[in-house]
Amino acid sequence: MTSEERAVLKSKIQDLIVKYEHDIKETEKMTQPISPENSLGRISRMDAINNKGVAEASLRSVKKKLSKLQMALTKINSPGFGDCARCKQPIPSARLMFMPESTRCVNCADKL
């Protein structure tokens, strides 16, 4: 990986971290407990609870991805960054640009 590619990737990771931090704040608002209000009917309340469950699953997913991106950002300047954790071959730059948190090449990721 060239230093220019590394710089572009680092910038992309930083942008994604900011985006996901914002997304987490917005999603956390949707995961607040559903208060038993008189204006909600039984079906509406069930819908609200279901939507809350979906938002919680989304929140977990975004937090996991954020954690992986932060880890990638801390390792981006290390010599082994961009090499597959399994086969030690370089991960293609296109894959890293699409999924900066990738630690495996496509072939090794398929074997999971």
PDB file of N, CA and C in Angstrom:
ATOM      1  N   MET A   1       0.853  -1.169   0.000  1.00  0.00           N
ATOM      2  CA  MET A   1       0.000   0.000   0.000  1.00  0.00           C
ATOM      3  C   MET A   1       0.903   1.238   0.000  1.00  0.00           C
ATOM      4  N   THR A   2       0.641   2.118  -0.950  1.00  0.00           N
ATOM      5  CA  THR A   2       1.464   3.325  -1.052  1.00  0.00           C
ATOM      6  C   THR A   2       1.068   4.323   0.035  1.00  0.00           C
ATOM      7  N   SER A   3       1.938   5.298   0.253  1.00  0.00           N
ATOM      8  CA  SER A   3       1.654   6.302   1.280  1.00  0.00           C
ATOM      9  C   SER A   3       0.452   7.169   0.884  1.00  0.00           C
ATOM     10  N   GLU A   4       0.252   7.383  -0.420  1.00  0.00           N
ATOM     11  CA  GLU A   4      -0.907   8.159  -0.872  1.00  0.00           C
ATOM     12  C   GLU A   4      -2.205   7.390  -0.603  1.00  0.00           C
ATOM     13  N   GLU A   5      -2.188   6.091  -0.915  1.00  0.00           N
ATOM     14  CA  GLU A   5      -3.365   5.261  -0.648  1.00  0.00           C
ATOM     15  C   GLU A   5      -3.662   5.205   0.848  1.00  0.00           C
ATOM     16  N   ARG A   6      -2.604   5.119   1.636  1.00  0.00           N
ATOM     17  CA  ARG A   6      -2.753   5.079   3.092  1.00  0.00           C
ATOM     18  C   ARG A   6      -3.376   6.381   3.605  1.00  0.00           C
ATOM     19  N   ALA A   7      -2.943   7.526   3.046  1.00  0.00           N
ATOM     20  CA  ALA A   7      -3.471   8.825   3.463  1.00  0.00           C
ATOM     21  C   ALA A   7      -4.947   8.961   3.091  1.00  0.00           C
ATOM     22  N   VAL A   8      -5.297   8.503   1.899  1.00  0.00           N
ATOM     23  CA  VAL A   8      -6.697   8.561   1.460  1.00  0.00           C
ATOM     24  C   VAL A   8      -7.551   7.656   2.341  1.00  0.00           C
ATOM     25  N   LEU A   9      -7.041   6.468   2.636  1.00  0.00           N
ATOM     26  CA  LEU A   9      -7.767   5.530   3.485  1.00  0.00           C
ATOM     27  C   LEU A   9      -7.932   6.084   4.892  1.00  0.00           C
ATOM     28  N   LYS A  10      -6.902   6.697   5.421  1.00  0.00           N
ATOM     29  CA  LYS A  10      -6.972   7.287   6.762  1.00  0.00           C
ATOM     30  C   LYS A  10      -8.041   8.370   6.813  1.00  0.00           C
ATOM     31  N   SER A  11      -8.082   9.204   5.791  1.00  0.00           N
ATOM     32  CA  SER A  11      -9.107  10.257   5.718  1.00  0.00           C
ATOM     33  C   SER A  11     -10.503   9.652   5.646  1.00  0.00           C
ATOM     34  N   LYS A  12     -10.651   8.602   4.856  1.00  0.00           N
ATOM     35  CA  LYS A  12     -11.960   7.946   4.738  1.00  0.00           C
ATOM     36  C   LYS A  12     -12.377   7.346   6.075  1.00  0.00           C
ATOM     37  N   ILE A  13     -11.457   6.701   6.771  1.00  0.00           N
ATOM     38  CA  ILE A  13     -11.769   6.113   8.072  1.00  0.00           C
ATOM     39  C   ILE A  13     -12.205   7.192   9.050  1.00  0.00           C
ATOM     40  N   GLN A  14     -11.482   8.312   9.072  1.00  0.00           N
ATOM     41  CA  GLN A  14     -11.843   9.407   9.979  1.00  0.00           C
ATOM     42  C   GLN A  14     -13.226   9.951   9.662  1.00  0.00           C
ATOM     43  N   ASP A  15     -13.544  10.086   8.381  1.00  0.00           N
ATOM     44  CA  ASP A  15     -14.880  10.560   7.984  1.00  0.00           C
ATOM     45  C   ASP A  15     -15.960   9.571   8.421  1.00  0.00           C
ATOM     46  N   LEU A  16     -15.692   8.279   8.231  1.00  0.00           N
ATOM     47  CA  LEU A  16     -16.662   7.263   8.630  1.00  0.00           C
ATOM     48  C   LEU A  16     -16.862   7.239  10.141  1.00  0.00           C
ATOM     49  N   ILE A  17     -15.802   7.440  10.898  1.00  0.00           N
ATOM     50  CA  ILE A  17     -15.926   7.472  12.355  1.00  0.00           C
ATOM     51  C   ILE A  17     -16.841   8.604  12.787  1.00  0.00           C
ATOM     52  N   VAL A  18     -16.661   9.785  12.203  1.00  0.00           N
ATOM     53  CA  VAL A  18     -17.527  10.932  12.521  1.00  0.00           C
ATOM     54  C   VAL A  18     -18.970  10.611  12.156  1.00  0.00           C
ATOM     55  N   LYS A  19     -19.179  10.011  10.980  1.00  0.00           N
ATOM     56  CA  LYS A  19     -20.528   9.664  10.533  1.00  0.00           C
ATOM     57  C   LYS A  19     -21.180   8.668  11.493  1.00  0.00           C
ATOM     58  N   TYR A  20     -20.451   7.616  11.858  1.00  0.00           N
ATOM     59  CA  TYR A  20     -21.024   6.595  12.737  1.00  0.00           C
ATOM     60  C   TYR A  20     -21.277   7.120  14.138  1.00  0.00           C
ATOM     61  N   GLU A  21     -20.424   8.012  14.631  1.00  0.00           N
ATOM     62  CA  GLU A  21     -20.676   8.605  15.942  1.00  0.00           C
ATOM     63  C   GLU A  21     -21.979   9.400  15.918  1.00  0.00           C
ATOM     64  N   HIS A  22     -22.220  10.119  14.817  1.00  0.00           N
ATOM     65  CA  HIS A  22     -23.476  10.864  14.666  1.00  0.00           C
ATOM     66  C   HIS A  22     -24.657   9.899  14.572  1.00  0.00           C
ATOM     67  N   ASP A  23     -24.492   8.829  13.781  1.00  0.00           N
ATOM     68  CA  ASP A  23     -25.553   7.839  13.634  1.00  0.00           C
ATOM     69  C   ASP A  23     -25.910   7.188  14.973  1.00  0.00           C
ATOM     70  N   ILE A  24     -24.893   6.948  15.792  1.00  0.00           N
ATOM     71  CA  ILE A  24     -25.133   6.338  17.100  1.00  0.00           C
ATOM     72  C   ILE A  24     -25.978   7.252  17.969  1.00  0.00           C
ATOM     73  N   LYS A  25     -25.655   8.538  17.965  1.00  0.00           N
ATOM     74  CA  LYS A  25     -26.433   9.498  18.765  1.00  0.00           C
ATOM     75  C   LYS A  25     -27.891   9.528  18.311  1.00  0.00           C
ATOM     76  N   GLU A  26     -28.105   9.506  17.005  1.00  0.00           N
ATOM     77  CA  GLU A  26     -29.474   9.537  16.473  1.00  0.00           C
ATOM     78  C   GLU A  26     -30.220   8.244  16.785  1.00  0.00           C
ATOM     79  N   THR A  27     -29.551   7.122  16.647  1.00  0.00           N
ATOM     80  CA  THR A  27     -30.191   5.830  16.878  1.00  0.00           C
ATOM     81  C   THR A  27     -30.497   5.624  18.358  1.00  0.00           C
ATOM     82  N   GLU A  28     -29.633   6.130  19.235  1.00  0.00           N
ATOM     83  CA  GLU A  28     -29.882   5.995  20.671  1.00  0.00           C
ATOM     84  C   GLU A  28     -31.194   6.667  21.075  1.00  0.00           C
ATOM     85  N   LYS A  29     -31.560   7.722  20.362  1.00  0.00           N
ATOM     86  CA  LYS A  29     -32.830   8.398  20.653  1.00  0.00           C
ATOM     87  C   LYS A  29     -34.019   7.474  20.373  1.00  0.00           C
ATOM     88  N   MET A  30     -33.852   6.606  19.380  1.00  0.00           N
ATOM     89  CA  MET A  30     -34.942   5.701  19.008  1.00  0.00           C
ATOM     90  C   MET A  30     -35.000   4.447  19.884  1.00  0.00           C
ATOM     91  N   THR A  31     -34.013   4.278  20.749  1.00  0.00           N
ATOM     92  CA  THR A  31     -33.990   3.082  21.593  1.00  0.00           C
ATOM     93  C   THR A  31     -34.409   3.376  23.033  1.00  0.00           C
ATOM     94  N   GLN A  32     -34.975   4.552  23.244  1.00  0.00           N
ATOM     95  CA  GLN A  32     -35.443   4.895  24.583  1.00  0.00           C
ATOM     96  C   GLN A  32     -36.631   4.003  24.943  1.00  0.00           C
ATOM     97  N   PRO A  33     -36.818   3.747  26.244  1.00  0.00           N
ATOM     98  CA  PRO A  33     -37.953   2.908  26.655  1.00  0.00           C
ATOM     99  C   PRO A  33     -39.282   3.486  26.180  1.00  0.00           C
ATOM    100  N   ILE A  34     -40.201   2.615  25.856  1.00  0.00           N
ATOM    101  CA  ILE A  34     -41.535   3.017  25.407  1.00  0.00           C
ATOM    102  C   ILE A  34     -42.403   3.216  26.648  1.00  0.00           C
ATOM    103  N   SER A  35     -42.789   4.453  26.857  1.00  0.00           N
ATOM    104  CA  SER A  35     -43.617   4.716  28.037  1.00  0.00           C
ATOM    105  C   SER A  35     -45.066   4.337  27.750  1.00  0.00           C
ATOM    106  N   PRO A  36     -45.743   3.790  28.739  1.00  0.00           N
ATOM    107  CA  PRO A  36     -47.149   3.400  28.524  1.00  0.00           C
ATOM    108  C   PRO A  36     -48.043   4.649  28.533  1.00  0.00           C
ATOM    109  N   GLU A  37     -48.332   5.135  27.349  1.00  0.00           N
ATOM    110  CA  GLU A  37     -49.175   6.321  27.228  1.00  0.00           C
ATOM    111  C   GLU A  37     -50.599   5.896  26.880  1.00  0.00           C
ATOM    112  N   ASN A  38     -51.552   6.689  27.300  1.00  0.00           N
ATOM    113  CA  ASN A  38     -52.955   6.390  27.005  1.00  0.00           C
ATOM    114  C   ASN A  38     -53.275   6.581  25.527  1.00  0.00           C
ATOM    115  N   SER A  39     -52.520   7.460  24.852  1.00  0.00           N
ATOM    116  CA  SER A  39     -52.838   7.746  23.456  1.00  0.00           C
ATOM    117  C   SER A  39     -52.423   6.615  22.515  1.00  0.00           C
ATOM    118  N   LEU A  40     -51.537   5.738  22.973  1.00  0.00           N
ATOM    119  CA  LEU A  40     -51.137   4.610  22.140  1.00  0.00           C
ATOM    120  C   LEU A  40     -52.098   3.451  22.337  1.00  0.00           C
ATOM    121  N   GLY A  41     -52.562   2.906  21.271  1.00  0.00           N
ATOM    122  CA  GLY A  41     -53.375   1.703  21.364  1.00  0.00           C
ATOM    123  C   GLY A  41     -52.475   0.493  21.502  1.00  0.00           C
ATOM    124  N   ARG A  42     -53.064  -0.635  21.712  1.00  0.00           N
ATOM    125  CA  ARG A  42     -52.289  -1.861  21.909  1.00  0.00           C
ATOM    126  C   ARG A  42     -51.420  -2.170  20.687  1.00  0.00           C
ATOM    127  N   ILE A  43     -51.988  -2.067  19.487  1.00  0.00           N
ATOM    128  CA  ILE A  43     -51.248  -2.366  18.257  1.00  0.00           C
ATOM    129  C   ILE A  43     -50.150  -1.335  18.043  1.00  0.00           C
ATOM    130  N   SER A  44     -50.452  -0.067  18.270  1.00  0.00           N
ATOM    131  CA  SER A  44     -49.444   0.980  18.102  1.00  0.00           C
ATOM    132  C   SER A  44     -48.294   0.785  19.077  1.00  0.00           C
ATOM    133  N   ARG A  45     -48.626   0.373  20.291  1.00  0.00           N
ATOM    134  CA  ARG A  45     -47.584   0.131  21.284  1.00  0.00           C
ATOM    135  C   ARG A  45     -46.707  -1.046  20.856  1.00  0.00           C
ATOM    136  N   MET A  46     -47.324  -2.099  20.325  1.00  0.00           N
ATOM    137  CA  MET A  46     -46.557  -3.249  19.844  1.00  0.00           C
ATOM    138  C   MET A  46     -45.641  -2.834  18.688  1.00  0.00           C
ATOM    139  N   ASP A  47     -46.147  -1.975  17.806  1.00  0.00           N
ATOM    140  CA  ASP A  47     -45.326  -1.455  16.706  1.00  0.00           C
ATOM    141  C   ASP A  47     -44.131  -0.670  17.244  1.00  0.00           C
ATOM    142  N   ALA A  48     -44.389   0.172  18.229  1.00  0.00           N
ATOM    143  CA  ALA A  48     -43.323   0.984  18.816  1.00  0.00           C
ATOM    144  C   ALA A  48     -42.262   0.095  19.462  1.00  0.00           C
ATOM    145  N   ILE A  49     -42.686  -0.945  20.137  1.00  0.00           N
ATOM    146  CA  ILE A  49     -41.741  -1.872  20.773  1.00  0.00           C
ATOM    147  C   ILE A  49     -40.935  -2.612  19.708  1.00  0.00           C
ATOM    148  N   ASN A  50     -41.588  -3.026  18.631  1.00  0.00           N
ATOM    149  CA  ASN A  50     -40.893  -3.694  17.530  1.00  0.00           C
ATOM    150  C   ASN A  50     -39.867  -2.754  16.895  1.00  0.00           C
ATOM    151  N   ASN A  51     -40.261  -1.509  16.645  1.00  0.00           N
ATOM    152  CA  ASN A  51     -39.347  -0.534  16.049  1.00  0.00           C
ATOM    153  C   ASN A  51     -38.151  -0.286  16.972  1.00  0.00           C
ATOM    154  N   LYS A  52     -38.388  -0.286  18.270  1.00  0.00           N
ATOM    155  CA  LYS A  52     -37.318  -0.098  19.239  1.00  0.00           C
ATOM    156  C   LYS A  52     -36.329  -1.265  19.143  1.00  0.00           C
ATOM    157  N   GLY A  53     -36.833  -2.473  18.989  1.00  0.00           N
ATOM    158  CA  GLY A  53     -35.966  -3.648  18.842  1.00  0.00           C
ATOM    159  C   GLY A  53     -35.109  -3.573  17.591  1.00  0.00           C
ATOM    160  N   VAL A  54     -35.691  -3.110  16.506  1.00  0.00           N
ATOM    161  CA  VAL A  54     -34.942  -2.956  15.251  1.00  0.00           C
ATOM    162  C   VAL A  54     -33.860  -1.896  15.428  1.00  0.00           C
ATOM    163  N   ALA A  55     -34.214  -0.795  16.084  1.00  0.00           N
ATOM    164  CA  ALA A  55     -33.245   0.280  16.321  1.00  0.00           C
ATOM    165  C   ALA A  55     -32.101  -0.204  17.210  1.00  0.00           C
ATOM    166  N   GLU A  56     -32.411  -1.035  18.206  1.00  0.00           N
ATOM    167  CA  GLU A  56     -31.370  -1.567  19.094  1.00  0.00           C
ATOM    168  C   GLU A  56     -30.409  -2.467  18.324  1.00  0.00           C
ATOM    169  N   ALA A  57     -30.936  -3.287  17.427  1.00  0.00           N
ATOM    170  CA  ALA A  57     -30.086  -4.154  16.608  1.00  0.00           C
ATOM    171  C   ALA A  57     -29.189  -3.310  15.693  1.00  0.00           C
ATOM    172  N   SER A  58     -29.751  -2.274  15.121  1.00  0.00           N
ATOM    173  CA  SER A  58     -28.981  -1.367  14.275  1.00  0.00           C
ATOM    174  C   SER A  58     -27.896  -0.669  15.079  1.00  0.00           C
ATOM    175  N   LEU A  59     -28.231  -0.260  16.281  1.00  0.00           N
ATOM    176  CA  LEU A  59     -27.277   0.415  17.151  1.00  0.00           C
ATOM    177  C   LEU A  59     -26.093  -0.498  17.479  1.00  0.00           C
ATOM    178  N   ARG A  60     -26.376  -1.755  17.794  1.00  0.00           N
ATOM    179  CA  ARG A  60     -25.295  -2.711  18.084  1.00  0.00           C
ATOM    180  C   ARG A  60     -24.383  -2.877  16.867  1.00  0.00           C
ATOM    181  N   SER A  61     -24.982  -2.955  15.698  1.00  0.00           N
ATOM    182  CA  SER A  61     -24.214  -3.135  14.473  1.00  0.00           C
ATOM    183  C   SER A  61     -23.303  -1.928  14.205  1.00  0.00           C
ATOM    184  N   VAL A  62     -23.846  -0.731  14.361  1.00  0.00           N
ATOM    185  CA  VAL A  62     -23.071   0.479  14.105  1.00  0.00           C
ATOM    186  C   VAL A  62     -21.949   0.620  15.134  1.00  0.00           C
ATOM    187  N   LYS A  63     -22.233   0.293  16.389  1.00  0.00           N
ATOM    188  CA  LYS A  63     -21.195   0.381  17.422  1.00  0.00           C
ATOM    189  C   LYS A  63     -20.063  -0.599  17.136  1.00  0.00           C
ATOM    190  N   LYS A  64     -20.405  -1.778  16.659  1.00  0.00           N
ATOM    191  CA  LYS A  64     -19.392  -2.782  16.322  1.00  0.00           C
ATOM    192  C   LYS A  64     -18.513  -2.297  15.170  1.00  0.00           C
ATOM    193  N   LYS A  65     -19.152  -1.726  14.150  1.00  0.00           N
ATOM    194  CA  LYS A  65     -18.403  -1.223  13.007  1.00  0.00           C
ATOM    195  C   LYS A  65     -17.526  -0.042  13.415  1.00  0.00           C
ATOM    196  N   LEU A  66     -18.050   0.837  14.276  1.00  0.00           N
ATOM    197  CA  LEU A  66     -17.272   1.969  14.764  1.00  0.00           C
ATOM    198  C   LEU A  66     -16.025   1.487  15.501  1.00  0.00           C
ATOM    199  N   SER A  67     -16.195   0.483  16.322  1.00  0.00           N
ATOM    200  CA  SER A  67     -15.068  -0.069  17.072  1.00  0.00           C
ATOM    201  C   SER A  67     -13.993  -0.612  16.121  1.00  0.00           C
ATOM    202  N   LYS A  68     -14.411  -1.304  15.082  1.00  0.00           N
ATOM    203  CA  LYS A  68     -13.466  -1.853  14.107  1.00  0.00           C
ATOM    204  C   LYS A  68     -12.750  -0.739  13.352  1.00  0.00           C
ATOM    205  N   LEU A  69     -13.485   0.338  13.014  1.00  0.00           N
ATOM    206  CA  LEU A  69     -12.867   1.460  12.315  1.00  0.00           C
ATOM    207  C   LEU A  69     -11.844   2.165  13.209  1.00  0.00           C
ATOM    208  N   GLN A  70     -12.170   2.323  14.480  1.00  0.00           N
ATOM    209  CA  GLN A  70     -11.228   2.955  15.399  1.00  0.00           C
ATOM    210  C   GLN A  70      -9.968   2.108  15.542  1.00  0.00           C
ATOM    211  N   MET A  71     -10.141   0.801  15.561  1.00  0.00           N
ATOM    212  CA  MET A  71      -8.983  -0.095  15.628  1.00  0.00           C
ATOM    213  C   MET A  71      -8.144   0.038  14.352  1.00  0.00           C
ATOM    214  N   ALA A  72      -8.799   0.087  13.201  1.00  0.00           N
ATOM    215  CA  ALA A  72      -8.076   0.238  11.933  1.00  0.00           C
ATOM    216  C   ALA A  72      -7.302   1.558  11.908  1.00  0.00           C
ATOM    217  N   LEU A  73      -7.895   2.613  12.455  1.00  0.00           N
ATOM    218  CA  LEU A  73      -7.232   3.913  12.479  1.00  0.00           C
ATOM    219  C   LEU A  73      -5.967   3.874  13.338  1.00  0.00           C
ATOM    220  N   THR A  74      -6.020   3.135  14.436  1.00  0.00           N
ATOM    221  CA  THR A  74      -4.829   3.051  15.292  1.00  0.00           C
ATOM    222  C   THR A  74      -3.724   2.213  14.646  1.00  0.00           C
ATOM    223  N   LYS A  75      -4.095   1.311  13.751  1.00  0.00           N
ATOM    224  CA  LYS A  75      -3.105   0.414  13.138  1.00  0.00           C
ATOM    225  C   LYS A  75      -2.674   0.841  11.739  1.00  0.00           C
ATOM    226  N   ILE A  76      -3.254   1.919  11.209  1.00  0.00           N
ATOM    227  CA  ILE A  76      -3.024   2.259   9.801  1.00  0.00           C
ATOM    228  C   ILE A  76      -1.564   2.564   9.482  1.00  0.00           C
ATOM    229  N   ASN A  77      -0.800   3.031  10.440  1.00  0.00           N
ATOM    230  CA  ASN A  77       0.606   3.352  10.174  1.00  0.00           C
ATOM    231  C   ASN A  77       1.558   2.211  10.523  1.00  0.00           C
ATOM    232  N   SER A  78       1.014   1.099  10.997  1.00  0.00           N
ATOM    233  CA  SER A  78       1.883  -0.039  11.323  1.00  0.00           C
ATOM    234  C   SER A  78       2.274  -0.765  10.036  1.00  0.00           C
ATOM    235  N   PRO A  79       3.438  -1.411  10.037  1.00  0.00           N
ATOM    236  CA  PRO A  79       3.928  -2.058   8.821  1.00  0.00           C
ATOM    237  C   PRO A  79       3.020  -3.153   8.263  1.00  0.00           C
ATOM    238  N   GLY A  80       2.321  -3.888   9.107  1.00  0.00           N
ATOM    239  CA  GLY A  80       1.482  -4.985   8.631  1.00  0.00           C
ATOM    240  C   GLY A  80       0.073  -4.578   8.246  1.00  0.00           C
ATOM    241  N   PHE A  81      -0.243  -3.292   8.345  1.00  0.00           N
ATOM    242  CA  PHE A  81      -1.599  -2.867   7.990  1.00  0.00           C
ATOM    243  C   PHE A  81      -1.833  -3.096   6.501  1.00  0.00           C
ATOM    244  N   GLY A  82      -2.982  -3.655   6.185  1.00  0.00           N
ATOM    245  CA  GLY A  82      -3.322  -3.938   4.792  1.00  0.00           C
ATOM    246  C   GLY A  82      -2.968  -5.352   4.372  1.00  0.00           C
ATOM    247  N   ASP A  83      -2.371  -6.121   5.291  1.00  0.00           N
ATOM    248  CA  ASP A  83      -2.076  -7.524   5.012  1.00  0.00           C
ATOM    249  C   ASP A  83      -3.147  -8.385   5.671  1.00  0.00           C
ATOM    250  N   CYS A  84      -3.516  -9.458   5.005  1.00  0.00           N
ATOM    251  CA  CYS A  84      -4.531 -10.370   5.516  1.00  0.00           C
ATOM    252  C   CYS A  84      -4.047 -11.002   6.822  1.00  0.00           C
ATOM    253  N   ALA A  85      -4.901 -11.027   7.811  1.00  0.00           N
ATOM    254  CA  ALA A  85      -4.554 -11.603   9.112  1.00  0.00           C
ATOM    255  C   ALA A  85      -4.379 -13.111   9.029  1.00  0.00           C
ATOM    256  N   ARG A  86      -4.920 -13.728   8.006  1.00  0.00           N
ATOM    257  CA  ARG A  86      -4.856 -15.191   7.894  1.00  0.00           C
ATOM    258  C   ARG A  86      -3.720 -15.656   6.981  1.00  0.00           C
ATOM    259  N   CYS A  87      -3.711 -15.172   5.727  1.00  0.00           N
ATOM    260  CA  CYS A  87      -2.726 -15.655   4.755  1.00  0.00           C
ATOM    261  C   CYS A  87      -1.527 -14.715   4.591  1.00  0.00           C
ATOM    262  N   LYS A  88      -1.591 -13.546   5.211  1.00  0.00           N
ATOM    263  CA  LYS A  88      -0.499 -12.555   5.202  1.00  0.00           C
ATOM    264  C   LYS A  88      -0.251 -11.917   3.838  1.00  0.00           C
ATOM    265  N   GLN A  89      -1.139 -12.150   2.868  1.00  0.00           N
ATOM    266  CA  GLN A  89      -1.024 -11.504   1.557  1.00  0.00           C
ATOM    267  C   GLN A  89      -1.665 -10.117   1.640  1.00  0.00           C
ATOM    268  N   PRO A  90      -1.226  -9.178   0.789  1.00  0.00           N
ATOM    269  CA  PRO A  90      -1.817  -7.835   0.823  1.00  0.00           C
ATOM    270  C   PRO A  90      -3.309  -7.878   0.458  1.00  0.00           C
ATOM    271  N   ILE A  91      -4.097  -7.143   1.224  1.00  0.00           N
ATOM    272  CA  ILE A  91      -5.526  -6.993   0.915  1.00  0.00           C
ATOM    273  C   ILE A  91      -5.615  -5.947  -0.196  1.00  0.00           C
ATOM    274  N   PRO A  92      -6.360  -6.211  -1.261  1.00  0.00           N
ATOM    275  CA  PRO A  92      -6.460  -5.227  -2.348  1.00  0.00           C
ATOM    276  C   PRO A  92      -6.955  -3.864  -1.839  1.00  0.00           C
ATOM    277  N   SER A  93      -6.371  -2.818  -2.387  1.00  0.00           N
ATOM    278  CA  SER A  93      -6.728  -1.447  -1.972  1.00  0.00           C
ATOM    279  C   SER A  93      -8.209  -1.161  -2.168  1.00  0.00           C
ATOM    280  N   ALA A  94      -8.785  -1.710  -3.220  1.00  0.00           N
ATOM    281  CA  ALA A  94     -10.214  -1.476  -3.479  1.00  0.00           C
ATOM    282  C   ALA A  94     -11.060  -2.039  -2.340  1.00  0.00           C
ATOM    283  N   ARG A  95     -10.673  -3.202  -1.826  1.00  0.00           N
ATOM    284  CA  ARG A  95     -11.417  -3.795  -0.699  1.00  0.00           C
ATOM    285  C   ARG A  95     -11.279  -2.920   0.540  1.00  0.00           C
ATOM    286  N   LEU A  96     -10.073  -2.432   0.803  1.00  0.00           N
ATOM    287  CA  LEU A  96      -9.865  -1.578   1.965  1.00  0.00           C
ATOM    288  C   LEU A  96     -10.609  -0.251   1.832  1.00  0.00           C
ATOM    289  N   MET A  97     -10.724   0.264   0.619  1.00  0.00           N
ATOM    290  CA  MET A  97     -11.474   1.508   0.436  1.00  0.00           C
ATOM    291  C   MET A  97     -12.970   1.275   0.636  1.00  0.00           C
ATOM    292  N   PHE A  98     -13.444   0.094   0.257  1.00  0.00           N
ATOM    293  CA  PHE A  98     -14.861  -0.228   0.418  1.00  0.00           C
ATOM    294  C   PHE A  98     -15.180  -0.613   1.859  1.00  0.00           C
ATOM    295  N   MET A  99     -14.285  -1.388   2.465  1.00  0.00           N
ATOM    296  CA  MET A  99     -14.457  -1.842   3.853  1.00  0.00           C
ATOM    297  C   MET A  99     -13.148  -1.600   4.600  1.00  0.00           C
ATOM    298  N   PRO A 100     -12.923  -0.373   5.069  1.00  0.00           N
ATOM    299  CA  PRO A 100     -11.640  -0.049   5.702  1.00  0.00           C
ATOM    300  C   PRO A 100     -11.332  -0.871   6.948  1.00  0.00           C
ATOM    301  N   GLU A 101     -12.345  -1.474   7.543  1.00  0.00           N
ATOM    302  CA  GLU A 101     -12.129  -2.266   8.754  1.00  0.00           C
ATOM    303  C   GLU A 101     -11.714  -3.703   8.445  1.00  0.00           C
ATOM    304  N   SER A 102     -11.577  -4.036   7.161  1.00  0.00           N
ATOM    305  CA  SER A 102     -11.230  -5.404   6.754  1.00  0.00           C
ATOM    306  C   SER A 102      -9.869  -5.810   7.288  1.00  0.00           C
ATOM    307  N   THR A 103      -9.807  -7.019   7.822  1.00  0.00           N
ATOM    308  CA  THR A 103      -8.532  -7.572   8.278  1.00  0.00           C
ATOM    309  C   THR A 103      -8.175  -8.832   7.500  1.00  0.00           C
ATOM    310  N   ARG A 104      -9.067  -9.231   6.585  1.00  0.00           N
ATOM    311  CA  ARG A 104      -8.830 -10.423   5.763  1.00  0.00           C
ATOM    312  C   ARG A 104      -9.123 -10.122   4.298  1.00  0.00           C
ATOM    313  N   CYS A 105      -8.419 -10.830   3.448  1.00  0.00           N
ATOM    314  CA  CYS A 105      -8.682 -10.720   2.012  1.00  0.00           C
ATOM    315  C   CYS A 105     -10.008 -11.434   1.714  1.00  0.00           C
ATOM    316  N   VAL A 106     -10.501 -11.284   0.513  1.00  0.00           N
ATOM    317  CA  VAL A 106     -11.783 -11.864   0.148  1.00  0.00           C
ATOM    318  C   VAL A 106     -11.767 -13.384   0.286  1.00  0.00           C
ATOM    319  N   ASN A 107     -10.693 -14.016  -0.176  1.00  0.00           N
ATOM    320  CA  ASN A 107     -10.614 -15.478  -0.109  1.00  0.00           C
ATOM    321  C   ASN A 107     -10.664 -15.987   1.331  1.00  0.00           C
ATOM    322  N   CYS A 108      -9.927 -15.364   2.219  1.00  0.00           N
ATOM    323  CA  CYS A 108      -9.905 -15.801   3.617  1.00  0.00           C
ATOM    324  C   CYS A 108     -11.189 -15.423   4.346  1.00  0.00           C
ATOM    325  N   ALA A 109     -11.785 -14.313   3.970  1.00  0.00           N
ATOM    326  CA  ALA A 109     -13.051 -13.906   4.595  1.00  0.00           C
ATOM    327  C   ALA A 109     -14.164 -14.886   4.230  1.00  0.00           C
ATOM    328  N   ASP A 110     -14.103 -15.440   3.022  1.00  0.00           N
ATOM    329  CA  ASP A 110     -15.105 -16.413   2.592  1.00  0.00           C
ATOM    330  C   ASP A 110     -15.006 -17.714   3.377  1.00  0.00           C
ATOM    331  N   LYS A 111     -13.837 -18.012   3.907  1.00  0.00           N
ATOM    332  CA  LYS A 111     -13.618 -19.259   4.623  1.00  0.00           C
ATOM    333  C   LYS A 111     -14.060 -19.209   6.073  1.00  0.00           C
ATOM    334  N   LEU A 112     -14.565 -18.075   6.513  1.00  0.00           N
ATOM    335  CA  LEU A 112     -15.033 -17.955   7.898  1.00  0.00           C
ATOM    336  C   LEU A 112     -16.253 -18.755   8.167  1.00  0.00           C
TER     337      LEU A 112
END
